[in-house]
Amino acid sequence: MDERVRKLLEAWQKRNIRGVYCSGKDEAAAEVLRIIPVSASVGISGSVTLDSLEIVRKLEARGTKVFDQYKSGLSRQESLESRKQGATAADYYLASANAVSCRGELVFFSGYGNRTAGISYAANVIIVCGINKLTADLGEALKRAREYATPLNCKRLDWQSPCFKDGICRQEICFAPDYKRMCSQVLIIENEVTAGRLRVIMVGENLGF
């Protein structure tokens, strides 16, 4: 285990966050399936990391209800309703962070708000992160989320923001109706009040942006 990860797990313990290390994505997917009961319902945040785990397919294959806003054939209204249900009504919420500081702070950016709502208030939250998202401090974590992860996600999802073309953040002009801004909401988790609510699985390989 990376020494940075060992110290990170200790930091999360102090912050009332349950941290666990998995060496690879298959082990991480197995850990998610172990934690979530088959009978539970699950909300999800859009995530390249979760896609790489194929976790939605694996959950549904065993009979677990997933509020999947990306399911083929959904209308825009149905997709938005699925986001809402996943963030507010599901037993578990799955997401990945845009960045994690070595001190244990977790950084999330969101466009619509279902992501920040689910992470902040769902009954049980599981965050899966690749080792590539670990940064030296909170300032670097915010910089990574805004200047690295967000432009790549805008390009992936065809969001016409200023950073879409060249990857350079111009938050001073990134407002509607001229642009579609992805980093509309910023959530920083420094601590968890409810013991056992928030779990983070740190994976020892590069996953997502």
C-alpha atoms as a PDB file:
ATOM      1  CA  MET A   1       0.000   0.000   0.000  1.00  0.00           C
ATOM      2  CA  ASP A   2       1.210   3.503  -0.878  1.00  0.00           C
ATOM      3  CA  GLU A   3       2.358   5.380   2.263  1.00  0.00           C
ATOM      4  CA  ARG A   4       0.154   8.304   1.222  1.00  0.00           C
ATOM      5  CA  VAL A   5      -2.869   5.995   1.234  1.00  0.00           C
ATOM      6  CA  ARG A   6      -2.010   4.629   4.674  1.00  0.00           C
ATOM      7  CA  LYS A   7      -1.922   8.154   6.096  1.00  0.00           C
ATOM      8  CA  LEU A   8      -5.099   9.021   4.190  1.00  0.00           C
ATOM      9  CA  LEU A   9      -6.989   6.121   5.766  1.00  0.00           C
ATOM     10  CA  GLU A  10      -5.862   7.357   9.181  1.00  0.00           C
ATOM     11  CA  ALA A  11      -7.029  10.886   8.321  1.00  0.00           C
ATOM     12  CA  TRP A  12     -10.443   9.618   7.262  1.00  0.00           C
ATOM     13  CA  GLN A  13     -10.798   7.723  10.528  1.00  0.00           C
ATOM     14  CA  LYS A  14     -10.290  10.984  12.411  1.00  0.00           C
ATOM     15  CA  ARG A  15     -12.892  12.631  10.158  1.00  0.00           C
ATOM     16  CA  ASN A  16     -15.475   9.903  10.904  1.00  0.00           C
ATOM     17  CA  ILE A  17     -15.227   8.581   7.332  1.00  0.00           C
ATOM     18  CA  ARG A  18     -14.788   4.865   6.682  1.00  0.00           C
ATOM     19  CA  GLY A  19     -11.896   4.390   4.316  1.00  0.00           C
ATOM     20  CA  VAL A  20     -10.791   1.166   2.671  1.00  0.00           C
ATOM     21  CA  TYR A  21      -8.057   0.378   0.164  1.00  0.00           C
ATOM     22  CA  CYS A  22      -8.523  -1.919  -2.837  1.00  0.00           C
ATOM     23  CA  SER A  23      -5.625  -2.775  -5.123  1.00  0.00           C
ATOM     24  CA  GLY A  24      -7.659  -2.700  -8.344  1.00  0.00           C
ATOM     25  CA  LYS A  25     -11.060  -1.999  -9.857  1.00  0.00           C
ATOM     26  CA  ASP A  26     -12.274  -5.623  -9.694  1.00  0.00           C
ATOM     27  CA  GLU A  27     -11.589  -5.718  -5.965  1.00  0.00           C
ATOM     28  CA  ALA A  28     -13.289  -2.341  -5.593  1.00  0.00           C
ATOM     29  CA  ALA A  29     -16.401  -3.533  -7.449  1.00  0.00           C
ATOM     30  CA  ALA A  30     -16.538  -6.609  -5.227  1.00  0.00           C
ATOM     31  CA  GLU A  31     -16.310  -4.364  -2.150  1.00  0.00           C
ATOM     32  CA  VAL A  32     -19.232  -2.234  -3.358  1.00  0.00           C
ATOM     33  CA  LEU A  33     -21.320  -5.363  -3.955  1.00  0.00           C
ATOM     34  CA  ARG A  34     -20.381  -6.659  -0.505  1.00  0.00           C
ATOM     35  CA  ILE A  35     -21.497  -3.461   1.213  1.00  0.00           C
ATOM     36  CA  ILE A  36     -24.815  -2.957  -0.591  1.00  0.00           C
ATOM     37  CA  PRO A  37     -27.551  -5.516   0.204  1.00  0.00           C
ATOM     38  CA  VAL A  38     -29.222  -7.104  -2.807  1.00  0.00           C
ATOM     39  CA  SER A  39     -32.597  -5.761  -1.657  1.00  0.00           C
ATOM     40  CA  ALA A  40     -31.378  -2.151  -1.389  1.00  0.00           C
ATOM     41  CA  SER A  41     -32.068   0.631  -3.891  1.00  0.00           C
ATOM     42  CA  VAL A  42     -29.147   2.607  -5.324  1.00  0.00           C
ATOM     43  CA  GLY A  43     -28.719   6.089  -6.771  1.00  0.00           C
ATOM     44  CA  ILE A  44     -25.719   6.918  -8.929  1.00  0.00           C
ATOM     45  CA  SER A  45     -23.739   9.913 -10.055  1.00  0.00           C
ATOM     46  CA  GLY A  46     -22.395  10.079 -13.591  1.00  0.00           C
ATOM     47  CA  SER A  47     -18.828   8.798 -13.319  1.00  0.00           C
ATOM     48  CA  VAL A  48     -16.140   7.395 -15.600  1.00  0.00           C
ATOM     49  CA  THR A  49     -14.755   5.629 -12.530  1.00  0.00           C
ATOM     50  CA  LEU A  50     -18.031   3.838 -11.802  1.00  0.00           C
ATOM     51  CA  ASP A  51     -18.402   2.997 -15.490  1.00  0.00           C
ATOM     52  CA  SER A  52     -14.991   1.324 -15.433  1.00  0.00           C
ATOM     53  CA  LEU A  53     -16.190  -0.865 -12.541  1.00  0.00           C
ATOM     54  CA  GLU A  54     -19.340  -1.766 -14.549  1.00  0.00           C
ATOM     55  CA  ILE A  55     -21.079  -1.447 -11.213  1.00  0.00           C
ATOM     56  CA  VAL A  56     -24.557  -0.595 -12.523  1.00  0.00           C
ATOM     57  CA  ARG A  57     -24.611  -3.717 -14.692  1.00  0.00           C
ATOM     58  CA  LYS A  58     -23.362  -5.859 -11.805  1.00  0.00           C
ATOM     59  CA  LEU A  59     -25.908  -4.458  -9.361  1.00  0.00           C
ATOM     60  CA  GLU A  60     -28.816  -4.913 -11.754  1.00  0.00           C
ATOM     61  CA  ALA A  61     -27.650  -8.407 -12.721  1.00  0.00           C
ATOM     62  CA  ARG A  62     -28.147  -9.594  -9.155  1.00  0.00           C
ATOM     63  CA  GLY A  63     -31.549  -7.881  -8.848  1.00  0.00           C
ATOM     64  CA  THR A  64     -30.673  -4.621  -7.083  1.00  0.00           C
ATOM     65  CA  LYS A  65     -32.820  -1.603  -7.991  1.00  0.00           C
ATOM     66  CA  VAL A  66     -30.712   1.170  -9.555  1.00  0.00           C
ATOM     67  CA  PHE A  67     -32.049   4.638 -10.316  1.00  0.00           C
ATOM     68  CA  ASP A  68     -30.121   4.907 -13.566  1.00  0.00           C
ATOM     69  CA  GLN A  69     -30.669   8.283 -15.223  1.00  0.00           C
ATOM     70  CA  TYR A  70     -28.593   7.130 -18.189  1.00  0.00           C
ATOM     71  CA  LYS A  71     -30.715   4.112 -19.082  1.00  0.00           C
ATOM     72  CA  SER A  72     -31.451   3.933 -22.794  1.00  0.00           C
ATOM     73  CA  GLY A  73     -34.879   5.165 -23.848  1.00  0.00           C
ATOM     74  CA  LEU A  74     -35.518   7.559 -20.970  1.00  0.00           C
ATOM     75  CA  SER A  75     -36.982  10.943 -21.825  1.00  0.00           C
ATOM     76  CA  ARG A  76     -35.282  14.047 -20.411  1.00  0.00           C
ATOM     77  CA  GLN A  77     -38.007  14.368 -17.775  1.00  0.00           C
ATOM     78  CA  GLU A  78     -37.677  10.701 -16.823  1.00  0.00           C
ATOM     79  CA  SER A  79     -33.907  11.097 -16.543  1.00  0.00           C
ATOM     80  CA  LEU A  80     -34.276  14.119 -14.268  1.00  0.00           C
ATOM     81  CA  GLU A  81     -36.797  12.258 -12.106  1.00  0.00           C
ATOM     82  CA  SER A  82     -34.414   9.304 -11.829  1.00  0.00           C
ATOM     83  CA  ARG A  83     -31.658  11.677 -10.679  1.00  0.00           C
ATOM     84  CA  LYS A  84     -33.996  13.081  -8.036  1.00  0.00           C
ATOM     85  CA  GLN A  85     -35.090   9.668  -6.793  1.00  0.00           C
ATOM     86  CA  GLY A  86     -31.525   8.393  -6.708  1.00  0.00           C
ATOM     87  CA  ALA A  87     -30.326  11.349  -4.652  1.00  0.00           C
ATOM     88  CA  THR A  88     -33.241  11.578  -2.211  1.00  0.00           C
ATOM     89  CA  ALA A  89     -34.999   8.212  -1.975  1.00  0.00           C
ATOM     90  CA  ALA A  90     -32.394   5.496  -2.567  1.00  0.00           C
ATOM     91  CA  ASP A  91     -30.899   3.442   0.270  1.00  0.00           C
ATOM     92  CA  TYR A  92     -27.373   3.952  -1.086  1.00  0.00           C
ATOM     93  CA  TYR A  93     -25.726   6.569  -3.274  1.00  0.00           C
ATOM     94  CA  LEU A  94     -22.654   5.863  -5.421  1.00  0.00           C
ATOM     95  CA  ALA A  95     -20.255   8.470  -6.769  1.00  0.00           C
ATOM     96  CA  SER A  96     -16.620   9.315  -7.334  1.00  0.00           C
ATOM     97  CA  ALA A  97     -14.757  12.437  -6.193  1.00  0.00           C
ATOM     98  CA  ASN A  98     -13.119  14.864  -8.589  1.00  0.00           C
ATOM     99  CA  ALA A  99     -10.182  15.080  -6.203  1.00  0.00           C
ATOM    100  CA  VAL A 100      -9.026  14.007  -2.737  1.00  0.00           C
ATOM    101  CA  SER A 101      -6.470  15.806  -0.598  1.00  0.00           C
ATOM    102  CA  CYS A 102      -3.864  13.878   1.354  1.00  0.00           C
ATOM    103  CA  ARG A 103      -5.441  15.353   4.509  1.00  0.00           C
ATOM    104  CA  GLY A 104      -8.733  13.645   3.667  1.00  0.00           C
ATOM    105  CA  GLU A 105     -10.897  16.397   2.170  1.00  0.00           C
ATOM    106  CA  LEU A 106     -13.123  15.251  -0.691  1.00  0.00           C
ATOM    107  CA  VAL A 107     -13.984  17.597  -3.571  1.00  0.00           C
ATOM    108  CA  PHE A 108     -17.020  17.255  -5.837  1.00  0.00           C
ATOM    109  CA  PHE A 109     -18.287  19.476  -8.658  1.00  0.00           C
ATOM    110  CA  SER A 110     -21.839  19.201  -9.960  1.00  0.00           C
ATOM    111  CA  GLY A 111     -23.919  20.678 -12.761  1.00  0.00           C
ATOM    112  CA  TYR A 112     -27.486  19.798 -11.814  1.00  0.00           C
ATOM    113  CA  GLY A 113     -27.053  19.297  -8.060  1.00  0.00           C
ATOM    114  CA  ASN A 114     -28.244  15.701  -7.747  1.00  0.00           C
ATOM    115  CA  ARG A 115     -24.642  14.649  -7.168  1.00  0.00           C
ATOM    116  CA  THR A 116     -23.977  17.088  -4.332  1.00  0.00           C
ATOM    117  CA  ALA A 117     -27.423  16.398  -2.829  1.00  0.00           C
ATOM    118  CA  GLY A 118     -26.947  12.629  -2.826  1.00  0.00           C
ATOM    119  CA  ILE A 119     -23.439  12.780  -1.378  1.00  0.00           C
ATOM    120  CA  SER A 120     -24.441  15.298   1.289  1.00  0.00           C
ATOM    121  CA  TYR A 121     -27.641  13.717   2.540  1.00  0.00           C
ATOM    122  CA  ALA A 122     -28.253  10.156   1.328  1.00  0.00           C
ATOM    123  CA  ALA A 123     -28.623   7.558   4.082  1.00  0.00           C
ATOM    124  CA  ASN A 124     -25.523   5.675   2.900  1.00  0.00           C
ATOM    125  CA  VAL A 125     -22.841   6.941   0.533  1.00  0.00           C
ATOM    126  CA  ILE A 126     -20.018   5.065  -1.180  1.00  0.00           C
ATOM    127  CA  ILE A 127     -17.295   7.036  -2.967  1.00  0.00           C
ATOM    128  CA  VAL A 128     -14.871   5.187  -5.261  1.00  0.00           C
ATOM    129  CA  CYS A 129     -11.628   6.955  -6.226  1.00  0.00           C
ATOM    130  CA  GLY A 130      -8.561   6.049  -8.221  1.00  0.00           C
ATOM    131  CA  ILE A 131      -5.123   6.865  -6.830  1.00  0.00           C
ATOM    132  CA  ASN A 132      -4.720   9.448  -9.612  1.00  0.00           C
ATOM    133  CA  LYS A 133      -7.173  11.763  -7.817  1.00  0.00           C
ATOM    134  CA  LEU A 134      -5.000  12.138  -4.724  1.00  0.00           C
ATOM    135  CA  THR A 135      -3.489  15.629  -4.314  1.00  0.00           C
ATOM    136  CA  ALA A 136      -1.110  17.326  -1.875  1.00  0.00           C
ATOM    137  CA  ASP A 137      -3.688  19.609  -0.254  1.00  0.00           C
ATOM    138  CA  LEU A 138      -7.179  21.098  -0.596  1.00  0.00           C
ATOM    139  CA  GLY A 139      -6.007  23.910  -2.857  1.00  0.00           C
ATOM    140  CA  GLU A 140      -4.516  21.419  -5.301  1.00  0.00           C
ATOM    141  CA  ALA A 141      -7.662  19.290  -5.053  1.00  0.00           C
ATOM    142  CA  LEU A 142      -9.853  22.237  -6.085  1.00  0.00           C
ATOM    143  CA  LYS A 143      -7.423  23.112  -8.860  1.00  0.00           C
ATOM    144  CA  ARG A 144      -7.471  19.541 -10.132  1.00  0.00           C
ATOM    145  CA  ALA A 145     -11.265  19.403 -10.092  1.00  0.00           C
ATOM    146  CA  ARG A 146     -11.716  22.741 -11.863  1.00  0.00           C
ATOM    147  CA  GLU A 147      -8.816  22.809 -14.298  1.00  0.00           C
ATOM    148  CA  TYR A 148      -8.313  19.127 -15.121  1.00  0.00           C
ATOM    149  CA  ALA A 149     -11.370  16.975 -14.419  1.00  0.00           C
ATOM    150  CA  THR A 150     -14.064  19.462 -15.454  1.00  0.00           C
ATOM    151  CA  PRO A 151     -12.696  20.266 -18.941  1.00  0.00           C
ATOM    152  CA  LEU A 152     -12.341  16.542 -19.671  1.00  0.00           C
ATOM    153  CA  ASN A 153     -15.895  15.880 -18.499  1.00  0.00           C
ATOM    154  CA  CYS A 154     -17.206  18.798 -20.573  1.00  0.00           C
ATOM    155  CA  LYS A 155     -15.543  17.327 -23.638  1.00  0.00           C
ATOM    156  CA  ARG A 156     -16.823  13.832 -22.812  1.00  0.00           C
ATOM    157  CA  LEU A 157     -20.419  15.052 -22.387  1.00  0.00           C
ATOM    158  CA  ASP A 158     -20.319  17.803 -25.045  1.00  0.00           C
ATOM    159  CA  TRP A 159     -21.046  20.602 -22.572  1.00  0.00           C
ATOM    160  CA  GLN A 160     -20.392  23.882 -24.378  1.00  0.00           C
ATOM    161  CA  SER A 161     -18.428  25.664 -21.670  1.00  0.00           C
ATOM    162  CA  PRO A 162     -15.383  27.913 -22.254  1.00  0.00           C
ATOM    163  CA  CYS A 163     -13.037  25.079 -21.236  1.00  0.00           C
ATOM    164  CA  PHE A 164     -14.592  22.724 -23.803  1.00  0.00           C
ATOM    165  CA  LYS A 165     -12.289  23.825 -26.622  1.00  0.00           C
ATOM    166  CA  ASP A 166      -8.897  24.276 -24.993  1.00  0.00           C
ATOM    167  CA  GLY A 167      -9.213  22.942 -21.431  1.00  0.00           C
ATOM    168  CA  ILE A 168      -8.595  26.372 -19.865  1.00  0.00           C
ATOM    169  CA  CYS A 169     -10.976  27.379 -17.063  1.00  0.00           C
ATOM    170  CA  ARG A 170     -12.582  30.808 -17.480  1.00  0.00           C
ATOM    171  CA  GLN A 171     -15.003  30.819 -14.584  1.00  0.00           C
ATOM    172  CA  GLU A 172     -15.293  34.631 -14.710  1.00  0.00           C
ATOM    173  CA  ILE A 173     -17.284  34.404 -17.974  1.00  0.00           C
ATOM    174  CA  CYS A 174     -18.802  30.916 -17.679  1.00  0.00           C
ATOM    175  CA  PHE A 175     -22.458  31.789 -17.127  1.00  0.00           C
ATOM    176  CA  ALA A 176     -25.809  31.120 -18.813  1.00  0.00           C
ATOM    177  CA  PRO A 177     -27.138  31.715 -21.368  1.00  0.00           C
ATOM    178  CA  ASP A 178     -23.808  32.006 -23.184  1.00  0.00           C
ATOM    179  CA  TYR A 179     -22.350  28.814 -21.741  1.00  0.00           C
ATOM    180  CA  LYS A 180     -23.426  25.586 -20.105  1.00  0.00           C
ATOM    181  CA  ARG A 181     -21.439  25.475 -16.870  1.00  0.00           C
ATOM    182  CA  MET A 182     -20.609  22.105 -15.332  1.00  0.00           C
ATOM    183  CA  CYS A 183     -18.960  23.327 -12.111  1.00  0.00           C
ATOM    184  CA  SER A 184     -22.121  25.059 -10.902  1.00  0.00           C
ATOM    185  CA  GLN A 185     -21.961  23.582  -7.413  1.00  0.00           C
ATOM    186  CA  VAL A 186     -18.866  22.800  -5.375  1.00  0.00           C
ATOM    187  CA  LEU A 187     -19.006  20.420  -2.420  1.00  0.00           C
ATOM    188  CA  ILE A 188     -16.098  19.937  -0.024  1.00  0.00           C
ATOM    189  CA  ILE A 189     -16.458  17.226   2.593  1.00  0.00           C
ATOM    190  CA  GLU A 190     -14.179  17.796   5.565  1.00  0.00           C
ATOM    191  CA  ASN A 191     -15.893  15.591   8.128  1.00  0.00           C
ATOM    192  CA  GLU A 192     -18.886  13.279   8.603  1.00  0.00           C
ATOM    193  CA  VAL A 193     -21.216  13.588  11.588  1.00  0.00           C
ATOM    194  CA  THR A 194     -23.097  10.290  11.238  1.00  0.00           C
ATOM    195  CA  ALA A 195     -20.854   7.297  11.904  1.00  0.00           C
ATOM    196  CA  GLY A 196     -20.904   4.750   9.086  1.00  0.00           C
ATOM    197  CA  ARG A 197     -22.821   6.933   6.593  1.00  0.00           C
ATOM    198  CA  LEU A 198     -19.893   7.812   4.348  1.00  0.00           C
ATOM    199  CA  ARG A 199     -17.431   5.251   2.974  1.00  0.00           C
ATOM    200  CA  VAL A 200     -14.574   5.881   0.575  1.00  0.00           C
ATOM    201  CA  ILE A 201     -12.904   3.140  -1.437  1.00  0.00           C
ATOM    202  CA  MET A 202      -9.457   4.211  -2.584  1.00  0.00           C
ATOM    203  CA  VAL A 203      -8.270   2.123  -5.517  1.00  0.00           C
ATOM    204  CA  GLY A 204      -4.581   1.589  -6.215  1.00  0.00           C
ATOM    205  CA  GLU A 205      -4.812   2.306  -9.943  1.00  0.00           C
ATOM    206  CA  ASN A 206      -5.741   5.237 -12.158  1.00  0.00           C
ATOM    207  CA  LEU A 207      -9.507   5.473 -12.679  1.00  0.00           C
ATOM    208  CA  GLY A 208     -11.553   8.202 -14.347  1.00  0.00           C
ATOM    209  CA  PHE A 209     -10.595  11.845 -14.554  1.00  0.00           C
END
